[in-house]
Amino acid sequence: MTRLRLPDEAATLRLAARIAALLGPGDVVLLSGDLGAGKTFFTKALAAEMGIDPAEVTSPSFALIHEHRGRLPLVHADLYRLGPGVDPADIGLDDHLDGQAVVVVEWAEHLPREAVDEALEIRLRWTGPASREAELAPRGEGWHRRLEGLFPRRPDAEENGGAGPGPPA
């Protein structure tokens, strides 16, 4: 797991840009965090990097799934209203896990772990009035390799409470 301090919105935008540069068809990003932690903000930032107007990206809390076209197709799902134990087939999400689009799932903690084998899990939480912390946990060898190259461990990371690298430059 990589833990990043994001002192302001600009740092969150930079992180989204770095993650977006790694994305390809079939990638899944699983977002979790409390209400207002920045899941939709992060998704908008990813979308912008994928050539999608971020103004078009809204939380699909009631529709559950929105599809967007850009450099890569983006499928944006929000499981907030459904609660734990969501079956991807019941909401049509499994239809989008076919390797054609990037899939971003908000409230991903409601999905059973076995629903997605290979993914990047990002947990966001507020740490101050404008600051956040992002915990990135790769699922699967592909994400482990990509994150290893993107965020190499600092020798002093353990001395900083395991925080790993600071905000993305």
N, C-alpha and C. Protein backbone atom coordinates (compact mmCIF):
# COMPACT_ATOMS: atom_id res chain seq x y z
N MET A 1 0.85 -1.18 0.00
CA MET A 1 0.00 0.00 0.00
C MET A 1 0.90 1.24 0.00
N THR A 2 0.46 2.22 -0.74
CA THR A 2 1.14 3.51 -0.78
C THR A 2 0.22 4.55 -0.18
N ARG A 3 0.72 5.31 0.78
CA ARG A 3 -0.07 6.36 1.40
C ARG A 3 0.53 7.70 0.98
N LEU A 4 -0.33 8.57 0.44
CA LEU A 4 0.12 9.87 -0.04
C LEU A 4 -0.61 10.98 0.69
N ARG A 5 0.13 12.00 1.07
CA ARG A 5 -0.48 13.21 1.63
C ARG A 5 -0.79 14.15 0.47
N LEU A 6 -2.01 14.62 0.41
CA LEU A 6 -2.44 15.55 -0.63
C LEU A 6 -2.85 16.84 0.05
N PRO A 7 -1.94 17.80 0.14
CA PRO A 7 -2.18 18.99 0.95
C PRO A 7 -3.24 19.94 0.38
N ASP A 8 -3.57 19.79 -0.90
CA ASP A 8 -4.56 20.69 -1.51
C ASP A 8 -5.16 20.02 -2.74
N GLU A 9 -6.14 20.68 -3.35
CA GLU A 9 -6.79 20.12 -4.53
C GLU A 9 -5.81 19.93 -5.68
N ALA A 10 -4.83 20.82 -5.80
CA ALA A 10 -3.85 20.70 -6.87
C ALA A 10 -3.09 19.38 -6.77
N ALA A 11 -2.76 18.95 -5.56
CA ALA A 11 -2.07 17.67 -5.38
C ALA A 11 -2.97 16.51 -5.77
N THR A 12 -4.26 16.62 -5.47
CA THR A 12 -5.21 15.58 -5.87
C THR A 12 -5.31 15.52 -7.40
N LEU A 13 -5.33 16.68 -8.05
CA LEU A 13 -5.36 16.72 -9.51
C LEU A 13 -4.11 16.10 -10.10
N ARG A 14 -2.95 16.37 -9.50
CA ARG A 14 -1.70 15.78 -9.99
C ARG A 14 -1.69 14.26 -9.83
N LEU A 15 -2.20 13.78 -8.71
CA LEU A 15 -2.29 12.34 -8.51
C LEU A 15 -3.20 11.72 -9.57
N ALA A 16 -4.34 12.32 -9.81
CA ALA A 16 -5.27 11.80 -10.83
C ALA A 16 -4.60 11.78 -12.20
N ALA A 17 -3.82 12.80 -12.52
CA ALA A 17 -3.12 12.84 -13.81
C ALA A 17 -2.12 11.70 -13.91
N ARG A 18 -1.41 11.43 -12.83
CA ARG A 18 -0.41 10.35 -12.85
C ARG A 18 -1.09 8.99 -12.98
N ILE A 19 -2.21 8.81 -12.30
CA ILE A 19 -2.95 7.55 -12.40
C ILE A 19 -3.55 7.42 -13.80
N ALA A 20 -4.13 8.48 -14.33
CA ALA A 20 -4.75 8.45 -15.66
C ALA A 20 -3.74 8.05 -16.73
N ALA A 21 -2.50 8.47 -16.57
CA ALA A 21 -1.46 8.13 -17.55
C ALA A 21 -1.19 6.63 -17.59
N LEU A 22 -1.55 5.92 -16.52
CA LEU A 22 -1.33 4.48 -16.45
C LEU A 22 -2.51 3.68 -16.98
N LEU A 23 -3.66 4.32 -17.16
CA LEU A 23 -4.89 3.61 -17.47
C LEU A 23 -4.97 3.17 -18.92
N GLY A 24 -5.56 2.00 -19.08
CA GLY A 24 -5.84 1.47 -20.41
C GLY A 24 -7.17 0.75 -20.37
N PRO A 25 -7.63 0.30 -21.53
CA PRO A 25 -8.90 -0.44 -21.59
C PRO A 25 -8.89 -1.63 -20.63
N GLY A 26 -9.96 -1.76 -19.89
CA GLY A 26 -10.10 -2.87 -18.95
C GLY A 26 -9.64 -2.57 -17.54
N ASP A 27 -9.01 -1.42 -17.33
CA ASP A 27 -8.56 -1.10 -15.97
C ASP A 27 -9.74 -0.71 -15.09
N VAL A 28 -9.61 -1.06 -13.82
CA VAL A 28 -10.65 -0.77 -12.83
C VAL A 28 -10.01 0.01 -11.69
N VAL A 29 -10.67 1.11 -11.30
CA VAL A 29 -10.25 1.92 -10.17
C VAL A 29 -11.40 1.87 -9.16
N LEU A 30 -11.09 1.42 -7.96
CA LEU A 30 -12.10 1.27 -6.90
C LEU A 30 -11.87 2.36 -5.86
N LEU A 31 -12.83 3.28 -5.75
CA LEU A 31 -12.71 4.41 -4.83
C LEU A 31 -13.56 4.19 -3.59
N SER A 32 -13.00 4.50 -2.44
CA SER A 32 -13.76 4.44 -1.20
C SER A 32 -13.38 5.64 -0.34
N GLY A 33 -14.22 5.90 0.64
CA GLY A 33 -14.02 7.02 1.55
C GLY A 33 -15.37 7.55 2.00
N ASP A 34 -15.35 8.32 3.06
CA ASP A 34 -16.58 8.88 3.59
C ASP A 34 -17.25 9.83 2.60
N LEU A 35 -18.48 10.19 2.90
CA LEU A 35 -19.18 11.21 2.10
C LEU A 35 -18.32 12.48 2.06
N GLY A 36 -18.15 13.03 0.88
CA GLY A 36 -17.40 14.27 0.75
C GLY A 36 -15.89 14.12 0.76
N ALA A 37 -15.38 12.88 0.75
CA ALA A 37 -13.93 12.67 0.81
C ALA A 37 -13.23 13.00 -0.50
N GLY A 38 -13.98 13.12 -1.59
CA GLY A 38 -13.37 13.50 -2.85
C GLY A 38 -13.42 12.44 -3.94
N LYS A 39 -14.27 11.44 -3.80
CA LYS A 39 -14.34 10.37 -4.79
C LYS A 39 -14.78 10.90 -6.16
N THR A 40 -15.83 11.70 -6.19
CA THR A 40 -16.30 12.25 -7.46
C THR A 40 -15.32 13.29 -7.99
N PHE A 41 -14.73 14.09 -7.12
CA PHE A 41 -13.71 15.05 -7.53
C PHE A 41 -12.55 14.32 -8.22
N PHE A 42 -12.11 13.23 -7.63
CA PHE A 42 -11.03 12.45 -8.21
C PHE A 42 -11.44 11.86 -9.55
N THR A 43 -12.67 11.37 -9.64
CA THR A 43 -13.16 10.80 -10.90
C THR A 43 -13.21 11.87 -11.99
N LYS A 44 -13.66 13.08 -11.63
CA LYS A 44 -13.68 14.19 -12.61
C LYS A 44 -12.27 14.50 -13.10
N ALA A 45 -11.31 14.46 -12.19
CA ALA A 45 -9.92 14.74 -12.57
C ALA A 45 -9.38 13.65 -13.49
N LEU A 46 -9.68 12.40 -13.19
CA LEU A 46 -9.29 11.30 -14.08
C LEU A 46 -9.91 11.50 -15.46
N ALA A 47 -11.21 11.80 -15.47
CA ALA A 47 -11.94 11.98 -16.72
C ALA A 47 -11.31 13.08 -17.56
N ALA A 48 -10.97 14.19 -16.93
CA ALA A 48 -10.36 15.31 -17.66
C ALA A 48 -9.07 14.86 -18.34
N GLU A 49 -8.29 14.05 -17.65
CA GLU A 49 -7.04 13.54 -18.22
C GLU A 49 -7.30 12.54 -19.36
N MET A 50 -8.51 12.00 -19.40
CA MET A 50 -8.88 11.05 -20.45
C MET A 50 -9.60 11.73 -21.61
N GLY A 51 -9.62 13.06 -21.59
CA GLY A 51 -10.25 13.80 -22.68
C GLY A 51 -11.75 13.95 -22.55
N ILE A 52 -12.25 13.83 -21.35
CA ILE A 52 -13.69 13.96 -21.07
C ILE A 52 -13.90 15.25 -20.31
N ASP A 53 -14.92 16.01 -20.71
CA ASP A 53 -15.23 17.26 -20.01
C ASP A 53 -15.64 16.92 -18.58
N PRO A 54 -14.89 17.38 -17.58
CA PRO A 54 -15.22 17.03 -16.20
C PRO A 54 -16.60 17.55 -15.77
N ALA A 55 -17.11 18.58 -16.44
CA ALA A 55 -18.45 19.08 -16.11
C ALA A 55 -19.53 18.04 -16.43
N GLU A 56 -19.21 17.12 -17.33
CA GLU A 56 -20.16 16.05 -17.69
C GLU A 56 -20.17 14.91 -16.67
N VAL A 57 -19.17 14.89 -15.81
CA VAL A 57 -19.03 13.79 -14.86
C VAL A 57 -19.69 14.20 -13.55
N THR A 58 -20.79 13.54 -13.26
CA THR A 58 -21.50 13.77 -12.00
C THR A 58 -21.64 12.42 -11.30
N SER A 59 -21.91 12.48 -10.03
CA SER A 59 -22.07 11.24 -9.27
C SER A 59 -23.32 10.50 -9.76
N PRO A 60 -23.15 9.26 -10.20
CA PRO A 60 -24.31 8.51 -10.68
C PRO A 60 -25.07 7.80 -9.57
N SER A 61 -25.27 8.48 -8.45
CA SER A 61 -25.92 7.86 -7.29
C SER A 61 -27.29 7.28 -7.61
N PHE A 62 -28.05 7.94 -8.47
CA PHE A 62 -29.40 7.46 -8.75
C PHE A 62 -29.45 6.61 -10.01
N ALA A 63 -28.66 6.94 -11.02
CA ALA A 63 -28.61 6.14 -12.25
C ALA A 63 -27.71 4.92 -12.05
N LEU A 64 -26.85 4.95 -11.06
CA LEU A 64 -25.87 3.93 -10.70
C LEU A 64 -24.65 3.89 -11.63
N ILE A 65 -24.87 4.01 -12.94
CA ILE A 65 -23.75 3.91 -13.89
C ILE A 65 -23.90 4.98 -14.96
N HIS A 66 -22.83 5.72 -15.22
CA HIS A 66 -22.76 6.67 -16.34
C HIS A 66 -21.63 6.24 -17.25
N GLU A 67 -21.83 6.43 -18.54
CA GLU A 67 -20.79 6.13 -19.52
C GLU A 67 -20.36 7.43 -20.19
N HIS A 68 -19.04 7.57 -20.40
CA HIS A 68 -18.48 8.77 -21.01
C HIS A 68 -17.50 8.35 -22.11
N ARG A 69 -17.41 9.17 -23.15
CA ARG A 69 -16.48 8.90 -24.25
C ARG A 69 -15.35 9.93 -24.24
N GLY A 70 -14.14 9.43 -24.35
CA GLY A 70 -12.95 10.28 -24.42
C GLY A 70 -11.85 9.50 -25.09
N ARG A 71 -10.61 9.83 -24.77
CA ARG A 71 -9.47 9.08 -25.29
C ARG A 71 -9.67 7.59 -25.01
N LEU A 72 -10.20 7.30 -23.86
CA LEU A 72 -10.63 5.97 -23.47
C LEU A 72 -12.07 6.08 -22.99
N PRO A 73 -12.91 5.09 -23.25
CA PRO A 73 -14.25 5.12 -22.66
C PRO A 73 -14.14 5.00 -21.14
N LEU A 74 -15.00 5.71 -20.45
CA LEU A 74 -15.03 5.69 -18.99
C LEU A 74 -16.42 5.27 -18.53
N VAL A 75 -16.46 4.28 -17.67
CA VAL A 75 -17.69 3.85 -17.02
C VAL A 75 -17.55 4.24 -15.55
N HIS A 76 -18.49 5.03 -15.07
CA HIS A 76 -18.44 5.58 -13.71
C HIS A 76 -19.65 5.04 -12.94
N ALA A 77 -19.40 4.26 -11.91
CA ALA A 77 -20.47 3.67 -11.11
C ALA A 77 -20.40 4.21 -9.69
N ASP A 78 -21.56 4.32 -9.07
CA ASP A 78 -21.66 4.79 -7.68
C ASP A 78 -22.58 3.83 -6.95
N LEU A 79 -22.04 3.14 -5.95
CA LEU A 79 -22.79 2.10 -5.25
C LEU A 79 -23.33 2.56 -3.90
N TYR A 80 -23.29 3.87 -3.64
CA TYR A 80 -23.68 4.40 -2.33
C TYR A 80 -25.06 3.92 -1.89
N ARG A 81 -26.04 4.05 -2.76
CA ARG A 81 -27.43 3.72 -2.38
C ARG A 81 -27.65 2.22 -2.20
N LEU A 82 -26.75 1.40 -2.70
CA LEU A 82 -27.01 -0.05 -2.71
C LEU A 82 -26.54 -0.76 -1.45
N GLY A 83 -25.56 -0.24 -0.78
CA GLY A 83 -25.06 -0.88 0.42
C GLY A 83 -24.20 -2.09 0.13
N PRO A 84 -23.69 -2.73 1.17
CA PRO A 84 -22.75 -3.84 1.02
C PRO A 84 -23.35 -5.04 0.29
N GLY A 85 -22.47 -5.80 -0.36
CA GLY A 85 -22.87 -7.05 -1.00
C GLY A 85 -23.48 -6.91 -2.38
N VAL A 86 -23.17 -5.83 -3.09
CA VAL A 86 -23.72 -5.61 -4.41
C VAL A 86 -23.22 -6.68 -5.38
N ASP A 87 -24.13 -7.27 -6.11
CA ASP A 87 -23.76 -8.21 -7.17
C ASP A 87 -23.63 -7.40 -8.46
N PRO A 88 -22.43 -7.34 -9.06
CA PRO A 88 -22.24 -6.55 -10.28
C PRO A 88 -23.23 -6.91 -11.39
N ALA A 89 -23.64 -8.16 -11.46
CA ALA A 89 -24.59 -8.59 -12.49
C ALA A 89 -25.96 -7.95 -12.28
N ASP A 90 -26.36 -7.75 -11.03
CA ASP A 90 -27.67 -7.19 -10.73
C ASP A 90 -27.83 -5.75 -11.22
N ILE A 91 -26.73 -5.02 -11.33
CA ILE A 91 -26.83 -3.61 -11.75
C ILE A 91 -26.22 -3.38 -13.14
N GLY A 92 -25.80 -4.45 -13.79
CA GLY A 92 -25.23 -4.32 -15.13
C GLY A 92 -23.77 -3.92 -15.15
N LEU A 93 -23.12 -3.86 -14.00
CA LEU A 93 -21.72 -3.48 -13.95
C LEU A 93 -20.83 -4.55 -14.59
N ASP A 94 -21.20 -5.80 -14.43
CA ASP A 94 -20.38 -6.87 -15.02
C ASP A 94 -20.28 -6.74 -16.53
N ASP A 95 -21.29 -6.14 -17.17
CA ASP A 95 -21.25 -5.91 -18.62
C ASP A 95 -20.11 -4.97 -19.01
N HIS A 96 -19.68 -4.12 -18.07
CA HIS A 96 -18.64 -3.13 -18.35
C HIS A 96 -17.25 -3.61 -17.93
N LEU A 97 -17.19 -4.75 -17.31
CA LEU A 97 -15.91 -5.30 -16.88
C LEU A 97 -15.36 -6.24 -17.95
N ASP A 98 -15.58 -5.88 -19.21
CA ASP A 98 -15.21 -6.73 -20.35
C ASP A 98 -13.91 -6.32 -21.01
N GLY A 99 -13.20 -5.36 -20.43
CA GLY A 99 -11.91 -4.97 -20.98
C GLY A 99 -11.96 -3.87 -22.02
N GLN A 100 -13.11 -3.27 -22.26
CA GLN A 100 -13.22 -2.23 -23.27
C GLN A 100 -13.05 -0.82 -22.71
N ALA A 101 -13.45 -0.60 -21.48
CA ALA A 101 -13.46 0.74 -20.89
C ALA A 101 -12.66 0.75 -19.59
N VAL A 102 -12.32 1.95 -19.15
CA VAL A 102 -11.83 2.14 -17.79
C VAL A 102 -13.08 2.22 -16.92
N VAL A 103 -13.09 1.49 -15.83
CA VAL A 103 -14.24 1.47 -14.92
C VAL A 103 -13.80 2.07 -13.59
N VAL A 104 -14.52 3.10 -13.16
CA VAL A 104 -14.28 3.72 -11.85
C VAL A 104 -15.52 3.48 -11.01
N VAL A 105 -15.33 2.90 -9.83
CA VAL A 105 -16.44 2.57 -8.93
C VAL A 105 -16.29 3.34 -7.64
N GLU A 106 -17.27 4.22 -7.36
CA GLU A 106 -17.32 4.90 -6.06
C GLU A 106 -18.07 4.01 -5.08
N TRP A 107 -17.69 4.10 -3.82
CA TRP A 107 -18.24 3.26 -2.76
C TRP A 107 -17.95 1.79 -3.09
N ALA A 108 -16.74 1.55 -3.55
CA ALA A 108 -16.34 0.22 -3.97
C ALA A 108 -16.34 -0.79 -2.82
N GLU A 109 -16.30 -0.30 -1.60
CA GLU A 109 -16.35 -1.21 -0.46
C GLU A 109 -17.65 -2.01 -0.42
N HIS A 110 -18.66 -1.57 -1.19
CA HIS A 110 -19.93 -2.31 -1.26
C HIS A 110 -19.85 -3.52 -2.20
N LEU A 111 -18.82 -3.58 -3.03
CA LEU A 111 -18.63 -4.74 -3.91
C LEU A 111 -17.97 -5.87 -3.14
N PRO A 112 -18.40 -7.10 -3.39
CA PRO A 112 -17.64 -8.22 -2.80
C PRO A 112 -16.22 -8.23 -3.38
N ARG A 113 -15.25 -8.54 -2.59
CA ARG A 113 -13.85 -8.51 -3.03
C ARG A 113 -13.63 -9.36 -4.29
N GLU A 114 -14.31 -10.48 -4.37
CA GLU A 114 -14.10 -11.38 -5.50
C GLU A 114 -14.72 -10.87 -6.81
N ALA A 115 -15.44 -9.77 -6.76
CA ALA A 115 -16.07 -9.22 -7.97
C ALA A 115 -15.04 -8.70 -8.96
N VAL A 116 -13.89 -8.22 -8.46
CA VAL A 116 -12.85 -7.66 -9.32
C VAL A 116 -11.49 -8.16 -8.82
N ASP A 117 -10.78 -8.87 -9.69
CA ASP A 117 -9.47 -9.42 -9.29
C ASP A 117 -8.35 -8.40 -9.43
N GLU A 118 -8.31 -7.71 -10.56
CA GLU A 118 -7.22 -6.78 -10.90
C GLU A 118 -7.79 -5.37 -10.85
N ALA A 119 -7.28 -4.55 -9.94
CA ALA A 119 -7.81 -3.19 -9.79
C ALA A 119 -6.83 -2.35 -8.98
N LEU A 120 -7.05 -1.05 -9.04
CA LEU A 120 -6.35 -0.13 -8.15
C LEU A 120 -7.37 0.39 -7.16
N GLU A 121 -7.16 0.09 -5.88
CA GLU A 121 -8.03 0.59 -4.82
C GLU A 121 -7.46 1.90 -4.30
N ILE A 122 -8.31 2.91 -4.20
CA ILE A 122 -7.89 4.20 -3.65
C ILE A 122 -8.88 4.58 -2.56
N ARG A 123 -8.37 4.74 -1.35
CA ARG A 123 -9.20 5.19 -0.23
C ARG A 123 -8.82 6.64 0.05
N LEU A 124 -9.81 7.51 0.01
CA LEU A 124 -9.59 8.94 0.27
C LEU A 124 -10.16 9.31 1.62
N ARG A 125 -9.44 10.20 2.31
CA ARG A 125 -9.99 10.71 3.57
C ARG A 125 -9.46 12.11 3.80
N TRP A 126 -10.31 12.93 4.41
CA TRP A 126 -9.93 14.29 4.76
C TRP A 126 -8.96 14.24 5.92
N THR A 127 -7.95 15.12 5.87
CA THR A 127 -7.01 15.24 6.98
C THR A 127 -6.95 16.67 7.50
N GLY A 128 -7.63 17.59 6.84
CA GLY A 128 -7.64 18.99 7.23
C GLY A 128 -8.62 19.74 6.36
N PRO A 129 -8.71 21.05 6.53
CA PRO A 129 -9.70 21.84 5.78
C PRO A 129 -9.59 21.70 4.25
N ALA A 130 -8.38 21.56 3.74
CA ALA A 130 -8.21 21.43 2.29
C ALA A 130 -7.37 20.22 1.92
N SER A 131 -6.95 19.44 2.92
CA SER A 131 -6.02 18.35 2.64
C SER A 131 -6.70 16.98 2.75
N ARG A 132 -6.13 16.06 1.99
CA ARG A 132 -6.61 14.69 1.98
C ARG A 132 -5.42 13.75 2.12
N GLU A 133 -5.75 12.52 2.38
CA GLU A 133 -4.78 11.44 2.29
C GLU A 133 -5.37 10.42 1.34
N ALA A 134 -4.52 9.86 0.51
CA ALA A 134 -4.94 8.81 -0.41
C ALA A 134 -4.12 7.56 -0.12
N GLU A 135 -4.80 6.45 0.09
CA GLU A 135 -4.13 5.16 0.26
C GLU A 135 -4.38 4.38 -1.03
N LEU A 136 -3.31 4.02 -1.71
CA LEU A 136 -3.39 3.28 -2.96
C LEU A 136 -2.98 1.84 -2.69
N ALA A 137 -3.86 0.92 -3.00
CA ALA A 137 -3.59 -0.50 -2.79
C ALA A 137 -3.84 -1.24 -4.10
N PRO A 138 -2.79 -1.77 -4.70
CA PRO A 138 -2.96 -2.50 -5.95
C PRO A 138 -3.50 -3.90 -5.71
N ARG A 139 -4.39 -4.32 -6.60
CA ARG A 139 -4.86 -5.70 -6.63
C ARG A 139 -4.35 -6.31 -7.92
N GLY A 140 -3.59 -7.34 -7.84
CA GLY A 140 -3.09 -8.01 -9.03
C GLY A 140 -1.69 -7.54 -9.38
N GLU A 141 -0.96 -8.40 -10.06
CA GLU A 141 0.43 -8.13 -10.40
C GLU A 141 0.59 -6.92 -11.30
N GLY A 142 -0.33 -6.71 -12.25
CA GLY A 142 -0.21 -5.57 -13.15
C GLY A 142 -0.19 -4.24 -12.42
N TRP A 143 -1.08 -4.07 -11.47
CA TRP A 143 -1.11 -2.82 -10.71
C TRP A 143 0.06 -2.71 -9.75
N HIS A 144 0.51 -3.82 -9.22
CA HIS A 144 1.70 -3.78 -8.36
C HIS A 144 2.90 -3.22 -9.13
N ARG A 145 3.11 -3.73 -10.34
CA ARG A 145 4.23 -3.26 -11.16
C ARG A 145 4.09 -1.79 -11.53
N ARG A 146 2.90 -1.38 -11.93
CA ARG A 146 2.70 0.01 -12.35
C ARG A 146 2.93 0.98 -11.20
N LEU A 147 2.41 0.65 -10.03
CA LEU A 147 2.58 1.55 -8.89
C LEU A 147 4.01 1.56 -8.39
N GLU A 148 4.68 0.43 -8.45
CA GLU A 148 6.07 0.37 -8.02
C GLU A 148 6.92 1.37 -8.81
N GLY A 149 6.68 1.45 -10.11
CA GLY A 149 7.42 2.38 -10.94
C GLY A 149 7.01 3.82 -10.72
N LEU A 150 5.76 4.04 -10.38
CA LEU A 150 5.24 5.39 -10.23
C LEU A 150 5.59 5.99 -8.86
N PHE A 151 5.55 5.18 -7.83
CA PHE A 151 5.79 5.65 -6.46
C PHE A 151 6.83 4.76 -5.78
N PRO A 152 8.10 4.91 -6.14
CA PRO A 152 9.12 4.09 -5.47
C PRO A 152 9.15 4.41 -3.97
N ARG A 153 9.39 3.40 -3.17
CA ARG A 153 9.44 3.59 -1.72
C ARG A 153 10.67 4.40 -1.34
N ARG A 154 10.48 5.35 -0.45
CA ARG A 154 11.62 6.09 0.10
C ARG A 154 12.22 5.29 1.25
N PRO A 155 13.53 5.38 1.42
CA PRO A 155 14.16 4.64 2.53
C PRO A 155 13.59 5.04 3.89
N ASP A 156 13.15 6.29 4.04
CA ASP A 156 12.65 6.76 5.33
C ASP A 156 11.15 6.58 5.48
N ALA A 157 10.50 5.88 4.56
CA ALA A 157 9.04 5.78 4.59
C ALA A 157 8.54 5.19 5.91
N GLU A 158 9.19 4.15 6.39
CA GLU A 158 8.74 3.53 7.63
C GLU A 158 8.90 4.48 8.82
N GLU A 159 9.94 5.30 8.79
CA GLU A 159 10.14 6.25 9.87
C GLU A 159 9.07 7.35 9.86
N ASN A 160 8.43 7.55 8.71
CA ASN A 160 7.35 8.53 8.62
C ASN A 160 6.00 7.86 8.81
N GLY A 161 5.96 6.84 9.61
CA GLY A 161 4.70 6.16 9.87
C GLY A 161 4.22 5.36 8.66
N GLY A 162 5.13 4.96 7.79
CA GLY A 162 4.74 4.20 6.61
C GLY A 162 4.07 5.04 5.56
N ALA A 163 4.23 6.35 5.67
CA ALA A 163 3.50 7.24 4.77
C ALA A 163 3.96 7.16 3.34
N GLY A 164 5.16 6.62 3.10
CA GLY A 164 5.63 6.53 1.72
C GLY A 164 5.89 7.89 1.15
N PRO A 165 5.77 8.02 -0.15
CA PRO A 165 6.10 9.28 -0.80
C PRO A 165 5.14 10.39 -0.40
N GLY A 166 5.62 11.61 -0.50
CA GLY A 166 4.78 12.77 -0.24
C GLY A 166 3.86 13.03 -1.42
N PRO A 167 3.31 14.22 -1.52
CA PRO A 167 2.36 14.51 -2.60
C PRO A 167 3.01 14.39 -3.96
N PRO A 168 2.26 13.91 -4.92
CA PRO A 168 2.81 13.79 -6.27
C PRO A 168 3.27 15.13 -6.80
N ALA A 169 4.41 15.13 -7.43
CA ALA A 169 4.95 16.38 -8.00
C ALA A 169 4.33 16.67 -9.34
